[in-house]
Amino acid sequence: MSSTTFICIVCSKALTSNNMYSTSCGHVFHSDCIRKFICQKKYCPKCWNVLNLNDIKQIFLEEKSSGCSGNVKIKTESDIMKLYVKDTSGGTTVLEKVKFSDTIYVIKCMVEMKLGIPADELRLIFAGKQLEDGRTMADYNIKDGATMHLAKRLRGC
């Protein structure tokens, strides 16, 4: 039985069935890899088509069993949540299509796309804690409809 290994062209690591995401142009990457790339470059690293974060869908491979052909399935909208981000002036930004597996850095990129504030200048606060870039929504147990607070990072002289 032969097995095929799919590689993410951004990080050159193997893709797994639980971390495989497709763009609207059909290319497949790790979620964090393509989201960070799109936040910075705004295009697909393979074909250079213009993309945004809404163009990314999670897919997974279903193993082939005897007598059945393998299938590729796309995750449904039930895997997606909505977040509210309050800024210091009292305004609220709505982030849609957030996944529990998204890292805080990906959320910062979403905020950057909406508000134009660079992700590296943002701090997100939830339940009184500053959220770390490499951790996920699931790590912090952040649920659908939650509200985060936004603060800009202070720069030294």
Protein backbone atom coordinates (compact mmCIF):
# COMPACT_ATOMS: atom_id res chain seq x y z
CA MET A 1 0.00 0.00 0.00
CA SER A 2 1.55 3.30 -1.05
CA SER A 3 1.03 6.46 0.91
CA THR A 4 1.31 9.97 -0.41
CA THR A 5 2.83 12.73 1.67
CA PHE A 6 1.61 16.25 1.06
CA ILE A 7 4.01 19.09 1.88
CA CYS A 8 3.21 22.68 2.83
CA ILE A 9 5.22 24.88 0.45
CA VAL A 10 5.48 27.66 3.03
CA CYS A 11 7.24 25.66 5.78
CA SER A 12 8.22 22.49 3.83
CA LYS A 13 6.73 20.23 6.54
CA ALA A 14 4.29 17.38 6.00
CA LEU A 15 0.59 18.17 6.09
CA THR A 16 -1.67 16.03 8.25
CA SER A 17 -5.36 15.35 7.78
CA ASN A 18 -6.22 17.49 10.82
CA ASN A 19 -4.12 20.49 9.71
CA MET A 20 -4.72 20.82 5.99
CA TYR A 21 -6.27 23.99 4.57
CA SER A 22 -7.11 24.90 1.00
CA THR A 23 -7.26 28.31 -0.64
CA SER A 24 -9.90 29.30 -3.18
CA CYS A 25 -7.27 28.73 -5.89
CA GLY A 26 -6.94 25.09 -4.74
CA HIS A 27 -3.51 25.08 -3.12
CA VAL A 28 -3.05 23.34 0.24
CA PHE A 29 -1.08 24.57 3.27
CA HIS A 30 -0.98 24.47 7.07
CA SER A 31 -3.52 26.90 8.55
CA ASP A 32 -0.98 29.10 10.35
CA CYS A 33 1.40 29.12 7.38
CA ILE A 34 -1.13 30.37 4.83
CA ARG A 35 -2.84 32.78 7.24
CA LYS A 36 0.47 34.44 8.21
CA PHE A 37 1.51 34.57 4.55
CA ILE A 38 -1.77 36.15 3.45
CA CYS A 39 -1.62 38.69 6.30
CA GLN A 40 1.82 39.78 5.15
CA LYS A 41 1.69 39.36 1.36
CA LYS A 42 -2.06 39.22 0.43
CA TYR A 43 -1.54 36.52 -2.25
CA CYS A 44 -1.13 32.75 -2.67
CA PRO A 45 2.55 31.75 -2.40
CA LYS A 46 2.08 29.13 -5.15
CA CYS A 47 0.16 30.91 -7.93
CA TRP A 48 0.18 34.54 -6.72
CA ASN A 49 -3.63 34.88 -6.88
CA VAL A 50 -4.86 37.64 -4.58
CA LEU A 51 -6.40 36.11 -1.43
CA ASN A 52 -7.87 37.10 1.90
CA LEU A 53 -8.52 35.10 5.06
CA ASN A 54 -12.08 34.27 3.95
CA ASP A 55 -10.61 32.27 1.04
CA ILE A 56 -9.24 29.57 3.38
CA LYS A 57 -11.20 26.38 4.15
CA GLN A 58 -10.15 23.41 6.26
CA ILE A 59 -10.11 20.09 4.43
CA PHE A 60 -9.34 16.58 5.57
CA LEU A 61 -8.69 13.31 3.84
CA GLU A 62 -10.78 10.26 4.54
CA GLU A 63 -8.81 7.01 4.46
CA LYS A 64 -9.61 4.64 1.63
CA SER A 65 -11.24 1.43 2.83
CA SER A 66 -11.76 -1.75 0.82
CA GLY A 67 -14.35 -1.26 -1.88
CA CYS A 68 -14.62 2.50 -1.27
CA SER A 69 -12.81 5.37 -2.84
CA GLY A 70 -11.15 8.00 -0.67
CA ASN A 71 -12.92 11.29 -0.24
CA VAL A 72 -11.89 14.82 0.50
CA LYS A 73 -14.27 16.73 2.75
CA ILE A 74 -14.43 20.37 3.64
CA LYS A 75 -15.19 21.28 7.25
CA THR A 76 -18.52 22.99 7.82
CA GLU A 77 -19.33 26.41 9.20
CA SER A 78 -20.04 24.82 12.63
CA ASP A 79 -16.25 24.79 13.16
CA ILE A 80 -16.22 28.57 12.92
CA MET A 81 -16.97 31.20 15.53
CA LYS A 82 -17.45 34.95 15.78
CA LEU A 83 -15.38 37.17 18.11
CA TYR A 84 -15.74 40.75 19.25
CA VAL A 85 -12.68 42.93 19.78
CA LYS A 86 -13.12 46.12 21.83
CA ASP A 87 -10.60 48.89 21.37
CA THR A 88 -9.55 51.56 23.88
CA SER A 89 -11.93 54.15 22.39
CA GLY A 90 -14.93 51.87 23.04
CA GLY A 91 -15.40 50.74 19.45
CA THR A 92 -16.05 47.08 18.67
CA THR A 93 -14.71 45.12 15.70
CA VAL A 94 -16.39 41.86 14.71
CA LEU A 95 -14.17 38.99 13.53
CA GLU A 96 -16.03 36.28 11.68
CA LYS A 97 -14.80 32.88 10.51
CA VAL A 98 -12.44 32.43 13.47
CA LYS A 99 -11.40 28.83 14.15
CA PHE A 100 -10.66 27.28 17.55
CA SER A 101 -7.31 26.18 16.09
CA ASP A 102 -6.34 29.75 15.06
CA THR A 103 -3.35 31.18 16.87
CA ILE A 104 -3.48 34.56 18.56
CA TYR A 105 -1.12 35.85 15.86
CA VAL A 106 -3.69 34.90 13.21
CA ILE A 107 -6.36 36.80 15.18
CA LYS A 108 -4.02 39.82 15.31
CA CYS A 109 -3.65 39.57 11.51
CA MET A 110 -7.44 39.61 11.17
CA VAL A 111 -7.57 42.74 13.33
CA GLU A 112 -4.79 44.27 11.21
CA MET A 113 -6.82 43.64 8.05
CA LYS A 114 -9.89 45.32 9.56
CA LEU A 115 -8.29 48.24 11.42
CA GLY A 116 -4.97 48.74 9.64
CA ILE A 117 -2.93 48.49 12.85
CA PRO A 118 0.14 46.24 12.33
CA ALA A 119 -0.23 42.88 14.10
CA ASP A 120 3.12 43.26 15.86
CA GLU A 121 1.85 46.47 17.55
CA LEU A 122 -1.27 44.81 18.99
CA ARG A 123 -1.91 43.21 22.36
CA LEU A 124 -5.05 41.14 22.89
CA ILE A 125 -6.48 40.70 26.38
CA PHE A 126 -9.03 38.05 27.37
CA ALA A 127 -10.25 37.34 30.92
CA GLY A 128 -7.62 39.76 32.24
CA LYS A 129 -4.71 37.95 30.56
CA GLN A 130 -2.51 39.13 27.71
CA LEU A 131 -2.70 36.47 24.98
CA GLU A 132 0.51 35.00 23.53
CA ASP A 133 0.97 34.87 19.74
CA GLY A 134 1.83 31.16 19.49
CA ARG A 135 -1.12 29.90 21.54
CA THR A 136 -4.51 29.01 20.06
CA MET A 137 -8.07 30.04 20.79
CA ALA A 138 -8.62 26.55 22.21
CA ASP A 139 -5.61 26.95 24.54
CA TYR A 140 -7.38 29.90 26.18
CA ASN A 141 -10.83 28.23 26.01
CA ILE A 142 -12.19 31.17 24.02
CA LYS A 143 -15.69 30.38 22.76
CA ASP A 144 -18.04 31.69 20.08
CA GLY A 145 -19.26 35.21 20.85
CA ALA A 146 -16.43 36.05 23.28
CA THR A 147 -15.11 39.59 23.62
CA MET A 148 -11.39 40.39 23.65
CA HIS A 149 -9.86 43.75 24.46
CA LEU A 150 -7.35 45.42 22.18
CA ALA A 151 -4.40 47.52 23.29
CA LYS A 152 -1.59 48.95 21.21
CA ARG A 153 1.91 48.02 22.28
CA LEU A 154 3.77 50.97 23.79
CA ARG A 155 7.07 51.83 22.10
CA GLY A 156 10.14 53.06 23.98
CA CYS A 157 11.90 56.31 23.07
